[in-house]
N, C-alpha and C. Protein backbone atom coordinates (compact mmCIF):
# COMPACT_ATOMS: atom_id res chain seq x y z
N MET A 1 -9.22 10.32 -22.54
CA MET A 1 -7.98 9.70 -22.89
C MET A 1 -8.33 8.23 -22.37
N GLN A 2 -7.89 7.12 -23.17
CA GLN A 2 -8.05 5.85 -22.73
C GLN A 2 -6.68 5.35 -22.02
N LYS A 3 -6.86 4.23 -21.25
CA LYS A 3 -5.77 3.64 -20.54
C LYS A 3 -4.52 3.51 -21.47
N GLU A 4 -4.84 2.99 -22.70
CA GLU A 4 -3.76 2.69 -23.70
C GLU A 4 -3.03 3.93 -24.11
N MET A 5 -3.61 5.22 -23.96
CA MET A 5 -3.01 6.35 -24.50
C MET A 5 -2.60 7.30 -23.33
N GLN A 6 -2.40 6.77 -22.13
CA GLN A 6 -1.81 7.58 -21.03
C GLN A 6 -0.41 8.03 -21.26
N THR A 7 -0.13 9.06 -20.61
CA THR A 7 1.18 9.70 -20.73
C THR A 7 2.23 8.83 -20.13
N GLU A 8 3.47 9.08 -20.56
CA GLU A 8 4.69 8.28 -20.23
C GLU A 8 4.79 8.46 -18.66
N VAL A 9 4.55 9.62 -17.91
CA VAL A 9 4.59 9.83 -16.56
C VAL A 9 3.67 8.98 -15.90
N GLN A 10 2.56 8.67 -16.44
CA GLN A 10 1.52 7.83 -15.82
C GLN A 10 1.76 6.29 -15.85
N ALA A 11 2.66 5.90 -16.83
CA ALA A 11 2.70 4.45 -17.21
C ALA A 11 3.38 3.89 -15.94
N GLY A 12 2.76 2.82 -15.71
CA GLY A 12 3.26 1.99 -14.38
C GLY A 12 2.68 2.57 -13.14
N MET A 13 1.99 3.49 -13.06
CA MET A 13 1.21 4.09 -11.85
C MET A 13 -0.13 3.48 -11.76
N GLU A 14 -0.50 2.85 -10.66
CA GLU A 14 -1.68 2.27 -10.50
C GLU A 14 -2.69 3.35 -10.18
N ILE A 15 -3.78 3.46 -10.93
CA ILE A 15 -4.96 4.59 -10.58
C ILE A 15 -6.00 3.74 -10.09
N VAL A 16 -6.69 4.14 -8.93
CA VAL A 16 -7.81 3.62 -8.44
C VAL A 16 -9.00 4.66 -8.10
N LEU A 17 -9.97 4.54 -8.58
CA LEU A 17 -11.17 5.32 -8.37
C LEU A 17 -11.91 4.72 -7.16
N VAL A 18 -12.13 5.56 -6.13
CA VAL A 18 -12.83 5.31 -4.95
C VAL A 18 -14.16 6.07 -4.82
N ALA A 19 -15.32 5.50 -4.86
CA ALA A 19 -16.46 6.20 -4.88
C ALA A 19 -17.67 5.39 -4.05
N ALA A 20 -18.57 6.12 -3.51
CA ALA A 20 -19.84 5.64 -3.04
C ALA A 20 -20.97 6.15 -3.91
N VAL A 21 -21.67 5.03 -4.39
CA VAL A 21 -22.63 5.49 -5.52
C VAL A 21 -23.91 4.75 -5.14
N ALA A 22 -24.94 5.71 -5.08
CA ALA A 22 -26.38 5.38 -4.90
C ALA A 22 -27.03 4.95 -6.25
N ARG A 23 -28.28 4.35 -6.02
CA ARG A 23 -28.95 4.08 -7.33
C ARG A 23 -29.08 5.35 -8.19
N GLY A 24 -29.08 4.97 -9.56
CA GLY A 24 -28.99 5.96 -10.60
C GLY A 24 -27.70 6.77 -10.65
N GLY A 25 -26.54 6.22 -9.97
CA GLY A 25 -25.23 6.67 -10.12
C GLY A 25 -24.95 7.91 -9.33
N ILE A 26 -25.94 8.36 -8.42
CA ILE A 26 -25.81 9.51 -7.71
C ILE A 26 -24.64 9.40 -6.68
N ILE A 27 -23.75 10.33 -6.55
CA ILE A 27 -22.65 10.37 -5.69
C ILE A 27 -22.74 11.63 -4.78
N GLY A 28 -23.50 12.61 -5.10
CA GLY A 28 -23.58 13.76 -4.33
C GLY A 28 -24.77 14.56 -4.46
N ALA A 29 -25.03 15.44 -3.51
CA ALA A 29 -26.16 16.45 -3.74
C ALA A 29 -25.72 17.70 -2.87
N ASP A 30 -25.91 18.83 -3.51
CA ASP A 30 -25.65 20.15 -2.91
C ASP A 30 -24.18 20.14 -2.26
N GLY A 31 -23.23 19.59 -2.80
CA GLY A 31 -21.88 19.70 -2.27
C GLY A 31 -21.52 18.69 -1.13
N GLY A 32 -22.32 17.62 -1.03
CA GLY A 32 -22.09 16.71 0.05
C GLY A 32 -22.65 15.42 -0.31
N MET A 33 -22.40 14.50 0.57
CA MET A 33 -22.87 13.06 0.24
C MET A 33 -24.38 12.90 0.86
N PRO A 34 -25.32 12.43 0.13
CA PRO A 34 -26.69 12.39 0.64
C PRO A 34 -26.98 11.17 1.58
N TRP A 35 -25.96 10.77 2.27
CA TRP A 35 -26.13 9.55 3.23
C TRP A 35 -24.93 9.52 4.31
N HIS A 36 -25.12 8.71 5.28
CA HIS A 36 -24.02 8.59 6.26
C HIS A 36 -23.83 7.16 6.51
N LEU A 37 -22.83 6.60 6.15
CA LEU A 37 -22.55 5.15 6.30
C LEU A 37 -21.19 5.00 6.95
N PRO A 38 -21.20 4.95 8.40
CA PRO A 38 -19.93 4.91 9.11
C PRO A 38 -19.05 3.75 8.69
N GLU A 39 -19.63 2.61 8.28
CA GLU A 39 -18.73 1.37 7.91
C GLU A 39 -18.09 1.89 6.67
N ASP A 40 -18.67 2.52 5.78
CA ASP A 40 -18.04 2.84 4.50
C ASP A 40 -16.93 3.98 4.72
N LEU A 41 -17.15 4.99 5.58
CA LEU A 41 -16.17 5.87 5.85
C LEU A 41 -14.86 5.21 6.53
N ARG A 42 -15.19 4.20 7.37
CA ARG A 42 -14.01 3.44 8.03
C ARG A 42 -13.20 2.77 6.84
N ARG A 43 -14.03 2.09 5.93
CA ARG A 43 -13.27 1.47 4.79
C ARG A 43 -12.47 2.42 3.93
N PHE A 44 -13.20 3.57 3.59
CA PHE A 44 -12.50 4.55 2.84
C PHE A 44 -11.25 5.01 3.58
N ARG A 45 -11.24 5.27 4.91
CA ARG A 45 -9.96 5.63 5.66
C ARG A 45 -8.91 4.41 5.53
N ALA A 46 -9.30 3.26 5.65
CA ALA A 46 -8.30 2.18 5.60
C ALA A 46 -7.74 2.08 4.28
N MET A 47 -8.52 2.21 3.35
CA MET A 47 -8.18 2.07 1.89
C MET A 47 -7.19 3.10 1.45
N THR A 48 -7.33 4.47 1.97
CA THR A 48 -6.64 5.57 1.46
C THR A 48 -5.62 6.09 2.35
N LEU A 49 -5.54 5.50 3.47
CA LEU A 49 -4.49 5.91 4.53
C LEU A 49 -3.05 5.72 3.83
N GLY A 50 -2.23 6.63 3.91
CA GLY A 50 -0.75 6.47 3.37
C GLY A 50 -0.72 6.60 1.84
N HIS A 51 -1.78 6.99 1.13
CA HIS A 51 -1.86 7.19 -0.33
C HIS A 51 -1.94 8.67 -0.69
N ALA A 52 -1.63 8.96 -1.92
CA ALA A 52 -1.92 10.25 -2.46
C ALA A 52 -3.43 10.17 -2.98
N LEU A 53 -4.23 11.33 -2.67
CA LEU A 53 -5.50 11.43 -3.03
C LEU A 53 -5.54 12.57 -4.06
N VAL A 54 -6.23 12.32 -5.16
CA VAL A 54 -6.52 13.36 -6.15
C VAL A 54 -8.10 13.63 -6.11
N MET A 55 -8.33 14.80 -5.93
CA MET A 55 -9.72 15.23 -5.95
C MET A 55 -9.92 16.56 -6.62
N GLY A 56 -11.08 16.90 -6.93
CA GLY A 56 -11.60 18.19 -7.39
C GLY A 56 -11.75 19.24 -6.37
N ARG A 57 -11.81 20.41 -6.61
CA ARG A 57 -11.90 21.54 -5.64
C ARG A 57 -13.20 21.47 -4.83
N ARG A 58 -14.30 21.09 -5.57
CA ARG A 58 -15.54 21.11 -4.85
C ARG A 58 -15.54 19.79 -3.81
N THR A 59 -15.10 18.76 -4.15
CA THR A 59 -14.82 17.69 -3.23
C THR A 59 -14.13 18.01 -2.03
N PHE A 60 -12.82 18.74 -2.24
CA PHE A 60 -11.92 19.00 -1.11
C PHE A 60 -12.95 20.10 -0.35
N GLY A 61 -13.66 21.02 -0.94
CA GLY A 61 -14.42 21.89 -0.23
C GLY A 61 -15.41 21.25 0.69
N SER A 62 -16.09 20.04 0.30
CA SER A 62 -17.11 19.42 1.05
C SER A 62 -16.30 18.65 2.21
N ILE A 63 -15.07 18.31 2.03
CA ILE A 63 -14.27 17.61 3.27
C ILE A 63 -13.90 18.78 4.13
N GLY A 64 -13.53 19.83 3.58
CA GLY A 64 -12.97 21.08 4.34
C GLY A 64 -11.57 21.07 4.91
N ARG A 65 -10.75 20.12 4.70
CA ARG A 65 -9.39 20.03 5.13
C ARG A 65 -8.68 18.82 4.47
N PRO A 66 -7.37 19.00 4.56
CA PRO A 66 -6.66 17.78 4.03
C PRO A 66 -6.92 16.51 5.02
N LEU A 67 -7.04 15.33 4.60
CA LEU A 67 -7.32 14.24 5.41
C LEU A 67 -5.97 13.74 6.02
N PRO A 68 -5.86 13.48 7.44
CA PRO A 68 -4.72 13.12 7.94
C PRO A 68 -4.12 11.90 7.48
N GLY A 69 -2.83 11.76 7.33
CA GLY A 69 -2.04 10.57 6.82
C GLY A 69 -2.11 10.45 5.40
N ARG A 70 -2.66 11.41 4.56
CA ARG A 70 -2.84 11.25 3.17
C ARG A 70 -2.27 12.53 2.38
N ARG A 71 -1.57 12.31 1.35
CA ARG A 71 -1.12 13.47 0.46
C ARG A 71 -2.42 13.77 -0.32
N THR A 72 -2.70 15.03 -0.29
CA THR A 72 -3.91 15.58 -0.97
C THR A 72 -3.43 16.49 -2.22
N VAL A 73 -3.88 16.12 -3.30
CA VAL A 73 -3.72 16.94 -4.63
C VAL A 73 -5.24 17.36 -5.15
N VAL A 74 -5.32 18.58 -5.14
CA VAL A 74 -6.62 19.30 -5.57
C VAL A 74 -6.50 19.71 -7.10
N VAL A 75 -7.31 19.37 -7.88
CA VAL A 75 -7.47 19.71 -9.25
C VAL A 75 -8.33 21.00 -9.32
N THR A 76 -7.95 22.00 -9.87
CA THR A 76 -8.76 23.25 -10.11
C THR A 76 -8.06 24.11 -11.07
N ARG A 77 -9.01 24.93 -11.85
CA ARG A 77 -8.48 25.96 -12.67
C ARG A 77 -8.42 27.27 -12.03
N ASP A 78 -8.88 27.34 -10.72
CA ASP A 78 -8.65 28.63 -9.87
C ASP A 78 -7.32 28.78 -9.49
N ARG A 79 -6.60 29.71 -10.08
CA ARG A 79 -5.26 29.91 -9.73
C ARG A 79 -5.11 30.55 -8.40
N SER A 80 -6.16 31.08 -7.76
CA SER A 80 -5.92 31.85 -6.50
C SER A 80 -6.30 30.77 -5.33
N PHE A 81 -6.64 29.52 -5.74
CA PHE A 81 -6.92 28.44 -4.69
C PHE A 81 -5.60 27.98 -4.09
N CYS A 82 -5.44 28.27 -2.80
CA CYS A 82 -4.25 27.74 -2.20
C CYS A 82 -4.27 27.44 -0.73
N PRO A 83 -5.11 26.44 -0.46
CA PRO A 83 -5.40 26.01 1.03
C PRO A 83 -4.08 25.39 1.59
N THR A 84 -4.05 25.56 2.91
CA THR A 84 -2.74 25.05 3.56
C THR A 84 -2.93 23.42 3.60
N GLY A 85 -1.75 22.79 3.25
CA GLY A 85 -1.61 21.31 3.47
C GLY A 85 -2.09 20.57 2.27
N VAL A 86 -2.34 21.28 1.11
CA VAL A 86 -2.65 20.36 -0.12
C VAL A 86 -1.73 20.89 -1.21
N GLU A 87 -1.70 20.15 -2.18
CA GLU A 87 -0.95 20.57 -3.52
C GLU A 87 -2.09 21.01 -4.42
N VAL A 88 -1.96 21.91 -5.31
CA VAL A 88 -2.91 22.35 -6.27
C VAL A 88 -2.36 22.13 -7.58
N ALA A 89 -3.19 21.36 -8.45
CA ALA A 89 -2.77 21.00 -9.90
C ALA A 89 -3.77 21.61 -10.80
N GLY A 90 -3.40 22.14 -11.94
CA GLY A 90 -4.35 22.74 -12.89
C GLY A 90 -5.17 21.86 -13.77
N SER A 91 -4.75 20.56 -13.72
CA SER A 91 -5.47 19.55 -14.56
C SER A 91 -5.13 18.17 -14.06
N ILE A 92 -5.89 17.15 -14.58
CA ILE A 92 -5.63 15.77 -14.16
C ILE A 92 -4.26 15.32 -14.52
N ASP A 93 -3.83 15.66 -15.70
CA ASP A 93 -2.40 15.27 -16.06
C ASP A 93 -1.48 15.94 -15.09
N ASP A 94 -1.60 17.10 -14.73
CA ASP A 94 -0.65 17.82 -13.81
C ASP A 94 -0.60 17.12 -12.44
N ALA A 95 -1.91 16.68 -11.89
CA ALA A 95 -2.00 15.94 -10.64
C ALA A 95 -1.30 14.75 -10.64
N LEU A 96 -1.71 13.91 -11.78
CA LEU A 96 -0.98 12.60 -11.90
C LEU A 96 0.52 12.71 -12.06
N GLY A 97 0.91 13.67 -12.72
CA GLY A 97 2.33 13.93 -13.05
C GLY A 97 3.15 14.29 -11.64
N ARG A 98 2.35 14.98 -10.70
CA ARG A 98 3.07 15.41 -9.33
C ARG A 98 3.06 14.08 -8.47
N VAL A 99 1.98 13.30 -8.58
CA VAL A 99 2.10 11.95 -7.91
C VAL A 99 3.07 11.09 -8.30
N ALA A 100 3.20 10.89 -9.72
CA ALA A 100 4.28 10.09 -10.28
C ALA A 100 5.57 10.54 -10.02
N ALA A 101 5.86 11.82 -9.98
CA ALA A 101 7.25 12.38 -9.64
C ALA A 101 7.69 12.21 -8.30
N ARG A 102 6.67 12.10 -7.31
CA ARG A 102 6.95 11.88 -5.84
C ARG A 102 5.96 10.93 -5.28
N PRO A 103 5.95 9.57 -5.70
CA PRO A 103 4.92 8.70 -5.20
C PRO A 103 5.03 8.45 -3.68
N GLN A 104 3.76 8.04 -3.17
CA GLN A 104 3.84 7.51 -1.76
C GLN A 104 4.30 6.09 -1.87
N LEU A 105 5.14 5.62 -0.91
CA LEU A 105 5.80 4.33 -1.04
C LEU A 105 5.10 3.49 0.02
N ASP A 106 5.11 2.07 -0.19
CA ASP A 106 4.74 1.27 0.92
C ASP A 106 5.87 0.91 1.65
N PRO A 107 5.83 0.07 2.72
CA PRO A 107 6.97 -0.21 3.52
C PRO A 107 8.07 -0.89 2.86
N ALA A 108 7.75 -1.76 1.69
CA ALA A 108 8.80 -2.33 0.92
C ALA A 108 9.44 -1.36 -0.09
N GLY A 109 8.93 -0.11 -0.17
CA GLY A 109 9.53 0.90 -1.10
C GLY A 109 8.91 0.95 -2.49
N HIS A 110 7.86 0.29 -2.64
CA HIS A 110 7.00 0.28 -3.87
C HIS A 110 6.00 1.37 -3.95
N PRO A 111 5.83 1.93 -5.04
CA PRO A 111 4.75 3.02 -5.10
C PRO A 111 3.41 2.51 -4.69
N ARG A 112 2.64 3.22 -3.94
CA ARG A 112 1.27 3.00 -3.74
C ARG A 112 0.47 3.50 -4.84
N PRO A 113 -0.78 2.94 -5.03
CA PRO A 113 -1.74 3.46 -6.10
C PRO A 113 -2.13 4.83 -5.62
N VAL A 114 -2.38 5.60 -6.67
CA VAL A 114 -2.95 6.81 -6.38
C VAL A 114 -4.55 6.71 -6.37
N MET A 115 -5.12 7.29 -5.37
CA MET A 115 -6.63 7.20 -5.16
C MET A 115 -7.34 8.40 -5.57
N VAL A 116 -8.23 8.19 -6.69
CA VAL A 116 -8.93 9.31 -7.18
C VAL A 116 -10.34 9.32 -6.49
N VAL A 117 -10.72 10.51 -5.73
CA VAL A 117 -11.76 10.35 -4.75
C VAL A 117 -12.97 11.30 -5.05
N GLY A 118 -12.95 11.87 -6.34
CA GLY A 118 -14.12 12.69 -6.64
C GLY A 118 -13.84 14.12 -7.10
N GLY A 119 -14.71 14.77 -7.49
CA GLY A 119 -16.14 14.39 -7.64
C GLY A 119 -16.33 14.03 -9.17
N GLY A 120 -17.62 14.21 -9.56
CA GLY A 120 -18.04 13.71 -10.80
C GLY A 120 -17.26 14.11 -12.04
N GLN A 121 -16.85 15.34 -12.06
CA GLN A 121 -15.94 15.80 -13.28
C GLN A 121 -14.67 15.04 -13.29
N ILE A 122 -14.10 14.92 -12.10
CA ILE A 122 -12.83 14.23 -12.03
C ILE A 122 -12.91 12.72 -12.22
N TYR A 123 -14.07 12.09 -11.87
CA TYR A 123 -14.21 10.65 -12.23
C TYR A 123 -14.39 10.44 -13.66
N ARG A 124 -15.11 11.33 -14.30
CA ARG A 124 -15.26 11.30 -15.72
C ARG A 124 -13.97 11.53 -16.44
N GLN A 125 -13.15 12.29 -15.92
CA GLN A 125 -11.73 12.49 -16.64
C GLN A 125 -10.88 11.43 -16.35
N THR A 126 -11.12 10.45 -15.42
CA THR A 126 -9.99 9.61 -14.96
C THR A 126 -10.46 8.14 -15.14
N ILE A 127 -11.78 7.86 -15.36
CA ILE A 127 -12.30 6.42 -15.41
C ILE A 127 -11.58 5.70 -16.60
N ASP A 128 -11.26 6.29 -17.62
CA ASP A 128 -10.51 5.66 -18.79
C ASP A 128 -9.05 5.46 -18.47
N LEU A 129 -8.51 6.04 -17.43
CA LEU A 129 -7.14 5.80 -17.03
C LEU A 129 -7.09 4.95 -15.94
N ALA A 130 -8.17 4.58 -15.26
CA ALA A 130 -8.06 3.75 -14.08
C ALA A 130 -7.74 2.34 -14.32
N ASP A 131 -7.11 1.78 -13.31
CA ASP A 131 -6.79 0.32 -13.32
C ASP A 131 -7.79 -0.46 -12.52
N ARG A 132 -8.43 0.27 -11.51
CA ARG A 132 -9.32 -0.52 -10.58
C ARG A 132 -10.36 0.67 -10.14
N LEU A 133 -11.51 0.08 -9.79
CA LEU A 133 -12.65 0.93 -9.33
C LEU A 133 -12.99 0.22 -7.94
N GLU A 134 -13.06 0.97 -6.96
CA GLU A 134 -13.46 0.52 -5.46
C GLU A 134 -14.82 1.29 -5.29
N ILE A 135 -15.87 0.55 -5.42
CA ILE A 135 -17.20 1.20 -5.44
C ILE A 135 -18.04 0.68 -4.22
N THR A 136 -18.54 1.60 -3.52
CA THR A 136 -19.49 1.33 -2.50
C THR A 136 -20.93 1.51 -3.14
N GLU A 137 -21.69 0.54 -3.23
CA GLU A 137 -22.94 0.62 -3.91
C GLU A 137 -23.94 0.72 -2.83
N VAL A 138 -24.49 1.99 -2.77
CA VAL A 138 -25.30 2.40 -1.58
C VAL A 138 -26.68 2.11 -1.97
N ASP A 139 -27.43 1.19 -1.17
CA ASP A 139 -28.72 0.83 -1.47
C ASP A 139 -29.80 1.77 -1.06
N GLN A 140 -29.75 3.02 -1.67
CA GLN A 140 -30.71 4.01 -1.49
C GLN A 140 -31.17 4.71 -2.76
N GLU A 141 -32.37 5.09 -2.68
CA GLU A 141 -32.78 6.00 -3.83
C GLU A 141 -32.78 7.41 -3.22
N VAL A 142 -31.81 8.20 -3.70
CA VAL A 142 -31.74 9.62 -3.30
C VAL A 142 -31.64 10.61 -4.48
N ALA A 143 -32.08 11.81 -4.13
CA ALA A 143 -31.89 12.87 -5.10
C ALA A 143 -30.46 13.38 -5.07
N GLY A 144 -29.99 13.80 -6.27
CA GLY A 144 -28.73 14.30 -6.17
C GLY A 144 -28.30 15.02 -7.40
N ASP A 145 -27.15 15.74 -7.48
CA ASP A 145 -26.88 16.55 -8.62
C ASP A 145 -25.62 16.27 -9.20
N THR A 146 -24.78 15.19 -8.63
CA THR A 146 -23.56 14.69 -9.07
C THR A 146 -23.72 13.16 -9.35
N VAL A 147 -23.15 12.85 -10.38
CA VAL A 147 -23.20 11.32 -10.75
C VAL A 147 -21.84 10.71 -11.08
N PHE A 148 -21.68 9.50 -10.85
CA PHE A 148 -20.50 8.64 -11.29
C PHE A 148 -20.77 8.13 -12.70
N PRO A 149 -19.74 8.17 -13.51
CA PRO A 149 -19.81 7.80 -14.87
C PRO A 149 -20.28 6.32 -15.00
N PRO A 150 -20.92 5.89 -16.02
CA PRO A 150 -21.40 4.53 -16.02
C PRO A 150 -20.15 3.70 -16.25
N ILE A 151 -20.37 2.30 -15.50
CA ILE A 151 -19.33 1.38 -15.58
C ILE A 151 -19.64 0.39 -16.65
N ASP A 152 -18.82 0.57 -17.79
CA ASP A 152 -18.98 -0.20 -18.99
C ASP A 152 -18.70 -1.73 -18.75
N PRO A 153 -19.41 -2.61 -18.84
CA PRO A 153 -19.23 -3.95 -18.64
C PRO A 153 -18.20 -4.62 -19.60
N ASP A 154 -18.09 -3.94 -20.72
CA ASP A 154 -17.07 -4.32 -21.80
C ASP A 154 -15.56 -4.04 -21.42
N ARG A 155 -15.55 -2.91 -20.40
CA ARG A 155 -14.25 -2.47 -19.94
C ARG A 155 -13.81 -2.99 -18.60
N TRP A 156 -14.85 -3.27 -17.75
CA TRP A 156 -14.67 -3.43 -16.45
C TRP A 156 -15.36 -4.90 -16.07
N ARG A 157 -14.55 -5.76 -15.17
CA ARG A 157 -15.20 -6.90 -14.68
C ARG A 157 -15.25 -6.83 -13.13
N GLU A 158 -16.39 -7.43 -12.57
CA GLU A 158 -16.34 -7.47 -11.12
C GLU A 158 -15.29 -8.55 -10.53
N ALA A 159 -14.43 -7.92 -9.78
CA ALA A 159 -13.39 -8.82 -9.22
C ALA A 159 -13.62 -9.26 -7.83
N ALA A 160 -14.52 -8.55 -6.98
CA ALA A 160 -14.72 -8.82 -5.72
C ALA A 160 -16.04 -8.24 -5.24
N ARG A 161 -16.72 -8.83 -4.26
CA ARG A 161 -17.98 -8.30 -3.69
C ARG A 161 -18.04 -8.83 -2.29
N ARG A 162 -18.66 -7.77 -1.55
CA ARG A 162 -18.90 -7.95 -0.07
C ARG A 162 -19.94 -7.15 0.26
N THR A 163 -20.87 -7.79 1.16
CA THR A 163 -22.11 -7.08 1.52
C THR A 163 -21.81 -6.35 2.97
N GLY A 164 -22.22 -5.15 2.86
CA GLY A 164 -22.07 -4.38 4.24
C GLY A 164 -23.34 -3.98 4.78
N ASP A 165 -23.32 -3.00 5.63
CA ASP A 165 -24.55 -2.53 6.40
C ASP A 165 -25.27 -1.42 5.47
N GLY A 166 -26.22 -1.77 4.67
CA GLY A 166 -26.91 -0.92 3.72
C GLY A 166 -26.15 -0.62 2.50
N CYS A 167 -25.18 -1.40 2.30
CA CYS A 167 -24.39 -1.26 0.96
C CYS A 167 -23.64 -2.56 0.58
N THR A 168 -23.13 -2.58 -0.71
CA THR A 168 -22.32 -3.57 -1.24
C THR A 168 -21.02 -2.93 -1.65
N TYR A 169 -19.92 -3.58 -1.29
CA TYR A 169 -18.45 -3.13 -1.67
C TYR A 169 -18.11 -4.03 -2.84
N LEU A 170 -17.82 -3.30 -4.00
CA LEU A 170 -17.44 -3.88 -5.25
C LEU A 170 -16.13 -3.44 -5.73
N THR A 171 -15.30 -4.39 -6.19
CA THR A 171 -14.04 -4.05 -6.87
C THR A 171 -14.14 -4.41 -8.22
N TYR A 172 -13.87 -3.60 -9.08
CA TYR A 172 -13.80 -3.78 -10.67
C TYR A 172 -12.37 -3.77 -10.93
N ALA A 173 -12.04 -4.70 -11.95
CA ALA A 173 -10.76 -4.63 -12.56
C ALA A 173 -10.89 -4.42 -13.99
N ARG A 174 -9.93 -4.00 -14.74
CA ARG A 174 -10.02 -3.88 -16.17
C ARG A 174 -10.35 -5.26 -16.87
N ALA A 175 -11.29 -5.23 -17.84
CA ALA A 175 -11.63 -6.51 -18.48
C ALA A 175 -10.59 -6.77 -19.58
C-alpha cells in the first residue's frame, strides 16, 4: 500500500521508520542485532521516548520486554501471544488504527509520530506508508538474515546527515 492509498484512520498520522542498517541492508542476525553501538542506542531511546512503537513479534522477542516510557504495539498473527504491558495487533492496519485512535501526545497536545522499529517484515509492510526514515548506517560488513527494504531515491531524499562513532545518522523525507 502506498502513502497515497493509506486508510482514513492513518491520514494525518506521521509514521517514522527507525532502523540501524549495516552494509548490504542487514538489520539482524539470529534474532538480534549483530553489533553494539551505545551511541545509537542512546539516540534510539531519545528519539522514541514518549512515542508509540510498532514492532513485529520477533523484534519484541529480541528486546524481551516493553521499553519504559513508550507504548508498545506488537504485530503478530499468533492469537495466543499476550505478554504483559503491550498491545497486540493482528496486522499493520490494526496496529496503526490502535495508535491513531489513542495517539501519544506531545506537551502541546499534538499527536506524536508513531515509530515503526522492526523487523524486516514490518519495515517492508510500512515503508510505503512512512513519512520519514531515521536510519543509522552502520559501517560494518556483517552476516545476517534480516534486511531493511531498499530506499528508493525516487521516493526518498536525504534531509539530514550526521556522523557518529562507527556509523552515520541519516534522516530521509519523502521526495
